[in-house]
């Protein structure tokens, strides 16, 4: 499944509830999910990491849908259509530079 298909399915299924909850609520959910992913990563709890990554992606896509932003073309343009050296030029703390 392409990301654009996933985003459309999520919009079809969840957009009414997402709009009722609003962007501030969904932003708080995203922050909470990032915290849970951080804890799972620190504990190296592989069994939880996949679930938490899914929760972060789900929350981020829900936010994108509220604002009618198509994520796939932006990700492609920003991260896949540019060389790694350009993508990472602002990353100062990576060891492979």
PDB file of N, CA and C in Angstrom:
ATOM      1  N   UNK A   1       0.839  -1.178   0.000  1.00  0.00           N
ATOM      2  CA  UNK A   1       0.000   0.000   0.000  1.00  0.00           C
ATOM      3  C   UNK A   1       0.886   1.243   0.000  1.00  0.00           C
ATOM      4  N   UNK A   2       0.544   2.163  -0.834  1.00  0.00           N
ATOM      5  CA  UNK A   2       1.243   3.447  -0.880  1.00  0.00           C
ATOM      6  C   UNK A   2       0.783   4.310   0.290  1.00  0.00           C
ATOM      7  N   UNK A   3       1.645   5.227   0.716  1.00  0.00           N
ATOM      8  CA  UNK A   3       1.297   6.118   1.815  1.00  0.00           C
ATOM      9  C   UNK A   3       0.058   6.945   1.473  1.00  0.00           C
ATOM     10  N   UNK A   4      -0.058   7.369   0.221  1.00  0.00           N
ATOM     11  CA  UNK A   4      -1.225   8.163  -0.178  1.00  0.00           C
ATOM     12  C   UNK A   4      -2.516   7.362  -0.039  1.00  0.00           C
ATOM     13  N   UNK A   5      -2.459   6.066  -0.310  1.00  0.00           N
ATOM     14  CA  UNK A   5      -3.633   5.211  -0.139  1.00  0.00           C
ATOM     15  C   UNK A   5      -3.992   5.082   1.339  1.00  0.00           C
ATOM     16  N   UNK A   6      -2.969   4.871   2.171  1.00  0.00           N
ATOM     17  CA  UNK A   6      -3.198   4.785   3.607  1.00  0.00           C
ATOM     18  C   UNK A   6      -3.812   6.080   4.130  1.00  0.00           C
ATOM     19  N   UNK A   7      -3.273   7.198   3.687  1.00  0.00           N
ATOM     20  CA  UNK A   7      -3.785   8.480   4.145  1.00  0.00           C
ATOM     21  C   UNK A   7      -5.238   8.662   3.731  1.00  0.00           C
ATOM     22  N   UNK A   8      -5.586   8.269   2.512  1.00  0.00           N
ATOM     23  CA  UNK A   8      -6.972   8.392   2.054  1.00  0.00           C
ATOM     24  C   UNK A   8      -7.894   7.489   2.859  1.00  0.00           C
ATOM     25  N   UNK A   9      -7.473   6.254   3.104  1.00  0.00           N
ATOM     26  CA  UNK A   9      -8.295   5.337   3.903  1.00  0.00           C
ATOM     27  C   UNK A   9      -8.512   5.876   5.312  1.00  0.00           C
ATOM     28  N   UNK A  10      -7.450   6.432   5.885  1.00  0.00           N
ATOM     29  CA  UNK A  10      -7.585   7.009   7.223  1.00  0.00           C
ATOM     30  C   UNK A  10      -8.540   8.197   7.198  1.00  0.00           C
ATOM     31  N   UNK A  11      -8.442   9.017   6.163  1.00  0.00           N
ATOM     32  CA  UNK A  11      -9.337  10.174   6.057  1.00  0.00           C
ATOM     33  C   UNK A  11     -10.779   9.712   5.930  1.00  0.00           C
ATOM     34  N   UNK A  12     -11.010   8.718   5.087  1.00  0.00           N
ATOM     35  CA  UNK A  12     -12.367   8.198   4.907  1.00  0.00           C
ATOM     36  C   UNK A  12     -12.929   7.642   6.213  1.00  0.00           C
ATOM     37  N   UNK A  13     -12.094   6.980   6.974  1.00  0.00           N
ATOM     38  CA  UNK A  13     -12.561   6.307   8.181  1.00  0.00           C
ATOM     39  C   UNK A  13     -12.609   7.213   9.410  1.00  0.00           C
ATOM     40  N   UNK A  14     -11.640   8.107   9.558  1.00  0.00           N
ATOM     41  CA  UNK A  14     -11.478   8.826  10.815  1.00  0.00           C
ATOM     42  C   UNK A  14     -11.675  10.337  10.748  1.00  0.00           C
ATOM     43  N   UNK A  15     -11.832  10.922   9.562  1.00  0.00           N
ATOM     44  CA  UNK A  15     -11.800  12.389   9.469  1.00  0.00           C
ATOM     45  C   UNK A  15     -12.903  13.074  10.265  1.00  0.00           C
ATOM     46  N   UNK A  16     -14.091  12.492  10.324  1.00  0.00           N
ATOM     47  CA  UNK A  16     -15.166  13.130  11.100  1.00  0.00           C
ATOM     48  C   UNK A  16     -14.775  13.251  12.565  1.00  0.00           C
ATOM     49  N   UNK A  17     -14.262  12.179  13.141  1.00  0.00           N
ATOM     50  CA  UNK A  17     -13.846  12.200  14.549  1.00  0.00           C
ATOM     51  C   UNK A  17     -12.622  13.093  14.745  1.00  0.00           C
ATOM     52  N   UNK A  18     -11.676  13.037  13.802  1.00  0.00           N
ATOM     53  CA  UNK A  18     -10.490  13.881  13.916  1.00  0.00           C
ATOM     54  C   UNK A  18     -10.879  15.356  13.923  1.00  0.00           C
ATOM     55  N   UNK A  19     -11.805  15.731  13.058  1.00  0.00           N
ATOM     56  CA  UNK A  19     -12.251  17.120  13.019  1.00  0.00           C
ATOM     57  C   UNK A  19     -12.974  17.508  14.304  1.00  0.00           C
ATOM     58  N   UNK A  20     -13.744  16.598  14.871  1.00  0.00           N
ATOM     59  CA  UNK A  20     -14.415  16.874  16.143  1.00  0.00           C
ATOM     60  C   UNK A  20     -13.405  17.089  17.268  1.00  0.00           C
ATOM     61  N   UNK A  21     -12.353  16.267  17.282  1.00  0.00           N
ATOM     62  CA  UNK A  21     -11.341  16.389  18.337  1.00  0.00           C
ATOM     63  C   UNK A  21     -10.484  17.635  18.137  1.00  0.00           C
ATOM     64  N   UNK A  22     -10.186  17.959  16.907  1.00  0.00           N
ATOM     65  CA  UNK A  22      -9.435  19.164  16.585  1.00  0.00           C
ATOM     66  C   UNK A  22      -7.932  18.962  16.579  1.00  0.00           C
ATOM     67  N   UNK A  23      -7.260  19.914  15.978  1.00  0.00           N
ATOM     68  CA  UNK A  23      -5.819  19.800  15.777  1.00  0.00           C
ATOM     69  C   UNK A  23      -5.034  19.885  17.088  1.00  0.00           C
ATOM     70  N   UNK A  24      -5.484  20.703  18.038  1.00  0.00           N
ATOM     71  CA  UNK A  24      -4.749  20.813  19.305  1.00  0.00           C
ATOM     72  C   UNK A  24      -4.767  19.485  20.047  1.00  0.00           C
ATOM     73  N   UNK A  25      -5.919  18.830  20.080  1.00  0.00           N
ATOM     74  CA  UNK A  25      -6.016  17.531  20.733  1.00  0.00           C
ATOM     75  C   UNK A  25      -5.121  16.515  20.030  1.00  0.00           C
ATOM     76  N   UNK A  26      -5.197  16.466  18.699  1.00  0.00           N
ATOM     77  CA  UNK A  26      -4.392  15.497  17.950  1.00  0.00           C
ATOM     78  C   UNK A  26      -2.896  15.779  18.090  1.00  0.00           C
ATOM     79  N   UNK A  27      -2.534  17.048  18.212  1.00  0.00           N
ATOM     80  CA  UNK A  27      -1.129  17.383  18.433  1.00  0.00           C
ATOM     81  C   UNK A  27      -0.671  16.843  19.778  1.00  0.00           C
ATOM     82  N   UNK A  28      -1.507  16.949  20.788  1.00  0.00           N
ATOM     83  CA  UNK A  28      -1.171  16.396  22.099  1.00  0.00           C
ATOM     84  C   UNK A  28      -1.045  14.880  22.050  1.00  0.00           C
ATOM     85  N   UNK A  29      -1.923  14.227  21.282  1.00  0.00           N
ATOM     86  CA  UNK A  29      -1.830  12.775  21.115  1.00  0.00           C
ATOM     87  C   UNK A  29      -0.506  12.420  20.448  1.00  0.00           C
ATOM     88  N   UNK A  30      -0.131  13.171  19.413  1.00  0.00           N
ATOM     89  CA  UNK A  30       1.139  12.910  18.725  1.00  0.00           C
ATOM     90  C   UNK A  30       2.317  13.049  19.683  1.00  0.00           C
ATOM     91  N   UNK A  31       2.318  14.092  20.487  1.00  0.00           N
ATOM     92  CA  UNK A  31       3.398  14.294  21.451  1.00  0.00           C
ATOM     93  C   UNK A  31       3.445  13.133  22.447  1.00  0.00           C
ATOM     94  N   UNK A  32       2.296  12.696  22.908  1.00  0.00           N
ATOM     95  CA  UNK A  32       2.241  11.562  23.825  1.00  0.00           C
ATOM     96  C   UNK A  32       2.800  10.305  23.171  1.00  0.00           C
ATOM     97  N   UNK A  33       2.433  10.081  21.913  1.00  0.00           N
ATOM     98  CA  UNK A  33       2.918   8.890  21.205  1.00  0.00           C
ATOM     99  C   UNK A  33       4.422   8.957  20.968  1.00  0.00           C
ATOM    100  N   UNK A  34       4.951  10.137  20.678  1.00  0.00           N
ATOM    101  CA  UNK A  34       6.403  10.291  20.522  1.00  0.00           C
ATOM    102  C   UNK A  34       7.099   9.976  21.842  1.00  0.00           C
ATOM    103  N   UNK A  35       6.513  10.394  22.942  1.00  0.00           N
ATOM    104  CA  UNK A  35       7.074  10.063  24.256  1.00  0.00           C
ATOM    105  C   UNK A  35       7.094   8.565  24.497  1.00  0.00           C
ATOM    106  N   UNK A  36       6.001   7.884  24.119  1.00  0.00           N
ATOM    107  CA  UNK A  36       5.952   6.429  24.279  1.00  0.00           C
ATOM    108  C   UNK A  36       6.991   5.750  23.383  1.00  0.00           C
ATOM    109  N   UNK A  37       7.187   6.274  22.180  1.00  0.00           N
ATOM    110  CA  UNK A  37       8.215   5.729  21.292  1.00  0.00           C
ATOM    111  C   UNK A  37       9.600   5.954  21.890  1.00  0.00           C
ATOM    112  N   UNK A  38       9.806   7.114  22.479  1.00  0.00           N
ATOM    113  CA  UNK A  38      11.088   7.414  23.115  1.00  0.00           C
ATOM    114  C   UNK A  38      11.379   6.429  24.244  1.00  0.00           C
ATOM    115  N   UNK A  39      10.376   6.170  25.081  1.00  0.00           N
ATOM    116  CA  UNK A  39      10.574   5.221  26.182  1.00  0.00           C
ATOM    117  C   UNK A  39      10.860   3.817  25.656  1.00  0.00           C
ATOM    118  N   UNK A  40      10.132   3.387  24.634  1.00  0.00           N
ATOM    119  CA  UNK A  40      10.360   2.053  24.064  1.00  0.00           C
ATOM    120  C   UNK A  40      11.749   1.953  23.464  1.00  0.00           C
ATOM    121  N   UNK A  41      12.212   3.028  22.837  1.00  0.00           N
ATOM    122  CA  UNK A  41      13.549   3.052  22.239  1.00  0.00           C
ATOM    123  C   UNK A  41      14.628   2.994  23.307  1.00  0.00           C
ATOM    124  N   UNK A  42      14.454   3.785  24.360  1.00  0.00           N
ATOM    125  CA  UNK A  42      15.441   3.772  25.452  1.00  0.00           C
ATOM    126  C   UNK A  42      15.546   2.397  26.083  1.00  0.00           C
ATOM    127  N   UNK A  43      14.408   1.716  26.210  1.00  0.00           N
ATOM    128  CA  UNK A  43      14.396   0.377  26.806  1.00  0.00           C
ATOM    129  C   UNK A  43      14.772  -0.706  25.800  1.00  0.00           C
ATOM    130  N   UNK A  44      14.942  -0.284  24.525  1.00  0.00           N
ATOM    131  CA  UNK A  44      15.206  -1.219  23.429  1.00  0.00           C
ATOM    132  C   UNK A  44      14.159  -2.324  23.409  1.00  0.00           C
ATOM    133  N   UNK A  45      12.913  -1.936  23.636  1.00  0.00           N
ATOM    134  CA  UNK A  45      11.780  -2.864  23.658  1.00  0.00           C
ATOM    135  C   UNK A  45      11.261  -3.049  22.239  1.00  0.00           C
ATOM    136  N   UNK A  46      11.957  -3.900  21.476  1.00  0.00           N
ATOM    137  CA  UNK A  46      11.628  -4.085  20.065  1.00  0.00           C
ATOM    138  C   UNK A  46      10.163  -4.448  19.853  1.00  0.00           C
ATOM    139  N   UNK A  47       9.594  -5.188  20.790  1.00  0.00           N
ATOM    140  CA  UNK A  47       8.200  -5.587  20.626  1.00  0.00           C
ATOM    141  C   UNK A  47       7.264  -4.386  20.677  1.00  0.00           C
ATOM    142  N   UNK A  48       7.674  -3.314  21.335  1.00  0.00           N
ATOM    143  CA  UNK A  48       6.831  -2.123  21.438  1.00  0.00           C
ATOM    144  C   UNK A  48       7.171  -1.049  20.404  1.00  0.00           C
ATOM    145  N   UNK A  49       8.379  -1.070  19.895  1.00  0.00           N
ATOM    146  CA  UNK A  49       8.818   0.002  19.004  1.00  0.00           C
ATOM    147  C   UNK A  49       7.956   0.070  17.749  1.00  0.00           C
ATOM    148  N   UNK A  50       7.681  -1.056  17.124  1.00  0.00           N
ATOM    149  CA  UNK A  50       6.853  -1.050  15.917  1.00  0.00           C
ATOM    150  C   UNK A  50       5.473  -0.477  16.173  1.00  0.00           C
ATOM    151  N   UNK A  51       4.887  -0.870  17.295  1.00  0.00           N
ATOM    152  CA  UNK A  51       3.557  -0.366  17.647  1.00  0.00           C
ATOM    153  C   UNK A  51       3.593   1.141  17.883  1.00  0.00           C
ATOM    154  N   UNK A  52       4.627   1.617  18.555  1.00  0.00           N
ATOM    155  CA  UNK A  52       4.721   3.047  18.844  1.00  0.00           C
ATOM    156  C   UNK A  52       5.012   3.856  17.580  1.00  0.00           C
ATOM    157  N   UNK A  53       5.847   3.328  16.677  1.00  0.00           N
ATOM    158  CA  UNK A  53       6.078   4.003  15.394  1.00  0.00           C
ATOM    159  C   UNK A  53       4.757   4.116  14.643  1.00  0.00           C
ATOM    160  N   UNK A  54       3.978   3.034  14.636  1.00  0.00           N
ATOM    161  CA  UNK A  54       2.671   3.062  13.967  1.00  0.00           C
ATOM    162  C   UNK A  54       1.768   4.126  14.579  1.00  0.00           C
ATOM    163  N   UNK A  55       1.787   4.236  15.914  1.00  0.00           N
ATOM    164  CA  UNK A  55       0.959   5.243  16.581  1.00  0.00           C
ATOM    165  C   UNK A  55       1.392   6.662  16.200  1.00  0.00           C
ATOM    166  N   UNK A  56       2.702   6.895  16.102  1.00  0.00           N
ATOM    167  CA  UNK A  56       3.216   8.211  15.718  1.00  0.00           C
ATOM    168  C   UNK A  56       2.793   8.537  14.279  1.00  0.00           C
ATOM    169  N   UNK A  57       2.957   7.579  13.381  1.00  0.00           N
ATOM    170  CA  UNK A  57       2.576   7.802  11.981  1.00  0.00           C
ATOM    171  C   UNK A  57       1.078   8.059  11.872  1.00  0.00           C
ATOM    172  N   UNK A  58       0.281   7.254  12.575  1.00  0.00           N
ATOM    173  CA  UNK A  58      -1.171   7.421  12.562  1.00  0.00           C
ATOM    174  C   UNK A  58      -1.555   8.824  13.032  1.00  0.00           C
ATOM    175  N   UNK A  59      -0.963   9.258  14.134  1.00  0.00           N
ATOM    176  CA  UNK A  59      -1.282  10.581  14.682  1.00  0.00           C
ATOM    177  C   UNK A  59      -0.864  11.694  13.727  1.00  0.00           C
ATOM    178  N   UNK A  60       0.313  11.566  13.136  1.00  0.00           N
ATOM    179  CA  UNK A  60       0.806  12.588  12.204  1.00  0.00           C
ATOM    180  C   UNK A  60      -0.070  12.659  10.958  1.00  0.00           C
ATOM    181  N   UNK A  61      -0.481  11.516  10.447  1.00  0.00           N
ATOM    182  CA  UNK A  61      -1.350  11.512   9.266  1.00  0.00           C
ATOM    183  C   UNK A  61      -2.719  12.085   9.600  1.00  0.00           C
ATOM    184  N   UNK A  62      -3.216  11.802  10.801  1.00  0.00           N
ATOM    185  CA  UNK A  62      -4.495  12.397  11.210  1.00  0.00           C
ATOM    186  C   UNK A  62      -4.408  13.919  11.203  1.00  0.00           C
ATOM    187  N   UNK A  63      -3.310  14.459  11.696  1.00  0.00           N
ATOM    188  CA  UNK A  63      -3.105  15.914  11.658  1.00  0.00           C
ATOM    189  C   UNK A  63      -3.041  16.425  10.219  1.00  0.00           C
ATOM    190  N   UNK A  64      -2.304  15.721   9.391  1.00  0.00           N
ATOM    191  CA  UNK A  64      -2.201  16.130   7.983  1.00  0.00           C
ATOM    192  C   UNK A  64      -3.580  16.149   7.332  1.00  0.00           C
ATOM    193  N   UNK A  65      -4.392  15.158   7.644  1.00  0.00           N
ATOM    194  CA  UNK A  65      -5.726  15.097   7.050  1.00  0.00           C
ATOM    195  C   UNK A  65      -6.609  16.257   7.483  1.00  0.00           C
ATOM    196  N   UNK A  66      -6.492  16.683   8.726  1.00  0.00           N
ATOM    197  CA  UNK A  66      -7.275  17.833   9.188  1.00  0.00           C
ATOM    198  C   UNK A  66      -6.966  19.070   8.342  1.00  0.00           C
ATOM    199  N   UNK A  67      -5.700  19.222   7.975  1.00  0.00           N
ATOM    200  CA  UNK A  67      -5.276  20.386   7.203  1.00  0.00           C
ATOM    201  C   UNK A  67      -5.231  20.115   5.698  1.00  0.00           C
ATOM    202  N   UNK A  68      -5.724  18.942   5.296  1.00  0.00           N
ATOM    203  CA  UNK A  68      -5.782  18.551   3.880  1.00  0.00           C
ATOM    204  C   UNK A  68      -4.401  18.627   3.216  1.00  0.00           C
ATOM    205  N   UNK A  69      -3.404  18.107   3.916  1.00  0.00           N
ATOM    206  CA  UNK A  69      -2.029  18.075   3.421  1.00  0.00           C
ATOM    207  C   UNK A  69      -1.711  16.648   2.987  1.00  0.00           C
ATOM    208  N   UNK A  70      -1.279  16.487   1.750  1.00  0.00           N
ATOM    209  CA  UNK A  70      -0.889  15.182   1.233  1.00  0.00           C
ATOM    210  C   UNK A  70       0.585  14.948   1.591  1.00  0.00           C
ATOM    211  N   UNK A  71       0.829  13.974   2.438  1.00  0.00           N
ATOM    212  CA  UNK A  71       2.155  13.759   3.004  1.00  0.00           C
ATOM    213  C   UNK A  71       3.124  13.102   2.017  1.00  0.00           C
ATOM    214  N   UNK A  72       2.659  12.137   1.249  1.00  0.00           N
ATOM    215  CA  UNK A  72       3.558  11.356   0.385  1.00  0.00           C
ATOM    216  C   UNK A  72       4.389  12.216  -0.572  1.00  0.00           C
ATOM    217  N   UNK A  73       3.793  13.138  -1.334  1.00  0.00           N
ATOM    218  CA  UNK A  73       4.642  13.920  -2.247  1.00  0.00           C
ATOM    219  C   UNK A  73       5.639  14.812  -1.529  1.00  0.00           C
ATOM    220  N   UNK A  74       5.274  15.284  -0.343  1.00  0.00           N
ATOM    221  CA  UNK A  74       6.197  16.128   0.419  1.00  0.00           C
ATOM    222  C   UNK A  74       7.382  15.298   0.915  1.00  0.00           C
ATOM    223  N   UNK A  75       7.095  14.109   1.453  1.00  0.00           N
ATOM    224  CA  UNK A  75       8.181  13.220   1.887  1.00  0.00           C
ATOM    225  C   UNK A  75       9.104  12.877   0.722  1.00  0.00           C
ATOM    226  N   UNK A  76       8.505  12.567  -0.412  1.00  0.00           N
ATOM    227  CA  UNK A  76       9.295  12.193  -1.586  1.00  0.00           C
ATOM    228  C   UNK A  76      10.196  13.356  -2.013  1.00  0.00           C
ATOM    229  N   UNK A  77       9.612  14.544  -2.125  1.00  0.00           N
ATOM    230  CA  UNK A  77      10.387  15.705  -2.555  1.00  0.00           C
ATOM    231  C   UNK A  77      11.470  16.077  -1.545  1.00  0.00           C
ATOM    232  N   UNK A  78      11.120  16.018  -0.266  1.00  0.00           N
ATOM    233  CA  UNK A  78      12.041  16.483   0.774  1.00  0.00           C
ATOM    234  C   UNK A  78      13.149  15.484   1.089  1.00  0.00           C
ATOM    235  N   UNK A  79      12.839  14.180   1.003  1.00  0.00           N
ATOM    236  CA  UNK A  79      13.813  13.182   1.464  1.00  0.00           C
ATOM    237  C   UNK A  79      14.284  12.190   0.405  1.00  0.00           C
ATOM    238  N   UNK A  80      13.511  11.943  -0.624  1.00  0.00           N
ATOM    239  CA  UNK A  80      13.913  10.935  -1.605  1.00  0.00           C
ATOM    240  C   UNK A  80      14.454  11.529  -2.896  1.00  0.00           C
ATOM    241  N   UNK A  81      14.003  12.725  -3.259  1.00  0.00           N
ATOM    242  CA  UNK A  81      14.434  13.332  -4.511  1.00  0.00           C
ATOM    243  C   UNK A  81      15.701  14.169  -4.365  1.00  0.00           C
ATOM    244  N   UNK A  82      16.246  14.258  -3.151  1.00  0.00           N
ATOM    245  CA  UNK A  82      17.451  15.037  -2.900  1.00  0.00           C
ATOM    246  C   UNK A  82      18.573  14.108  -2.453  1.00  0.00           C
ATOM    247  N   UNK A  83      19.810  14.464  -2.741  1.00  0.00           N
ATOM    248  CA  UNK A  83      20.924  13.632  -2.268  1.00  0.00           C
ATOM    249  C   UNK A  83      21.024  13.680  -0.745  1.00  0.00           C
ATOM    250  N   UNK A  84      21.532  12.608  -0.173  1.00  0.00           N
ATOM    251  CA  UNK A  84      21.662  12.512   1.280  1.00  0.00           C
ATOM    252  C   UNK A  84      22.463  13.680   1.846  1.00  0.00           C
ATOM    253  N   UNK A  85      23.491  14.108   1.150  1.00  0.00           N
ATOM    254  CA  UNK A  85      24.318  15.215   1.656  1.00  0.00           C
ATOM    255  C   UNK A  85      23.500  16.496   1.802  1.00  0.00           C
ATOM    256  N   UNK A  86      22.534  16.699   0.931  1.00  0.00           N
ATOM    257  CA  UNK A  86      21.676  17.888   1.024  1.00  0.00           C
ATOM    258  C   UNK A  86      20.644  17.721   2.135  1.00  0.00           C
ATOM    259  N   UNK A  87      20.092  16.524   2.251  1.00  0.00           N
ATOM    260  CA  UNK A  87      19.098  16.254   3.298  1.00  0.00           C
ATOM    261  C   UNK A  87      19.723  16.415   4.671  1.00  0.00           C
ATOM    262  N   UNK A  88      20.953  15.962   4.818  1.00  0.00           N
ATOM    263  CA  UNK A  88      21.595  15.908   6.134  1.00  0.00           C
ATOM    264  C   UNK A  88      22.513  17.085   6.429  1.00  0.00           C
ATOM    265  N   UNK A  89      22.531  18.103   5.586  1.00  0.00           N
ATOM    266  CA  UNK A  89      23.508  19.186   5.787  1.00  0.00           C
ATOM    267  C   UNK A  89      23.316  19.937   7.103  1.00  0.00           C
ATOM    268  N   UNK A  90      22.119  19.937   7.669  1.00  0.00           N
ATOM    269  CA  UNK A  90      21.877  20.620   8.944  1.00  0.00           C
ATOM    270  C   UNK A  90      22.054  19.695  10.149  1.00  0.00           C
ATOM    271  N   UNK A  91      22.289  18.429   9.909  1.00  0.00           N
ATOM    272  CA  UNK A  91      22.459  17.463  11.002  1.00  0.00           C
ATOM    273  C   UNK A  91      23.897  17.556  11.486  1.00  0.00           C
ATOM    274  N   UNK A  92      24.104  18.138  12.634  1.00  0.00           N
ATOM    275  CA  UNK A  92      25.468  18.368  13.111  1.00  0.00           C
ATOM    276  C   UNK A  92      25.975  17.261  14.032  1.00  0.00           C
ATOM    277  N   UNK A  93      25.086  16.416  14.521  1.00  0.00           N
ATOM    278  CA  UNK A  93      25.517  15.435  15.521  1.00  0.00           C
ATOM    279  C   UNK A  93      25.535  13.994  15.018  1.00  0.00           C
ATOM    280  N   UNK A  94      25.621  13.813  13.700  1.00  0.00           N
ATOM    281  CA  UNK A  94      25.717  12.442  13.188  1.00  0.00           C
ATOM    282  C   UNK A  94      27.178  12.042  13.062  1.00  0.00           C
ATOM    283  N   UNK A  95      27.457  10.787  13.342  1.00  0.00           N
ATOM    284  CA  UNK A  95      28.856  10.344  13.378  1.00  0.00           C
ATOM    285  C   UNK A  95      29.421  10.065  12.000  1.00  0.00           C
ATOM    286  N   UNK A  96      28.593   9.869  10.994  1.00  0.00           N
ATOM    287  CA  UNK A  96      29.100   9.485   9.682  1.00  0.00           C
ATOM    288  C   UNK A  96      29.451  10.647   8.782  1.00  0.00           C
ATOM    289  N   UNK A  97      29.353  11.863   9.271  1.00  0.00           N
ATOM    290  CA  UNK A  97      29.700  13.024   8.432  1.00  0.00           C
ATOM    291  C   UNK A  97      31.178  13.255   8.418  1.00  0.00           C
TER     292      UNK A  97
END
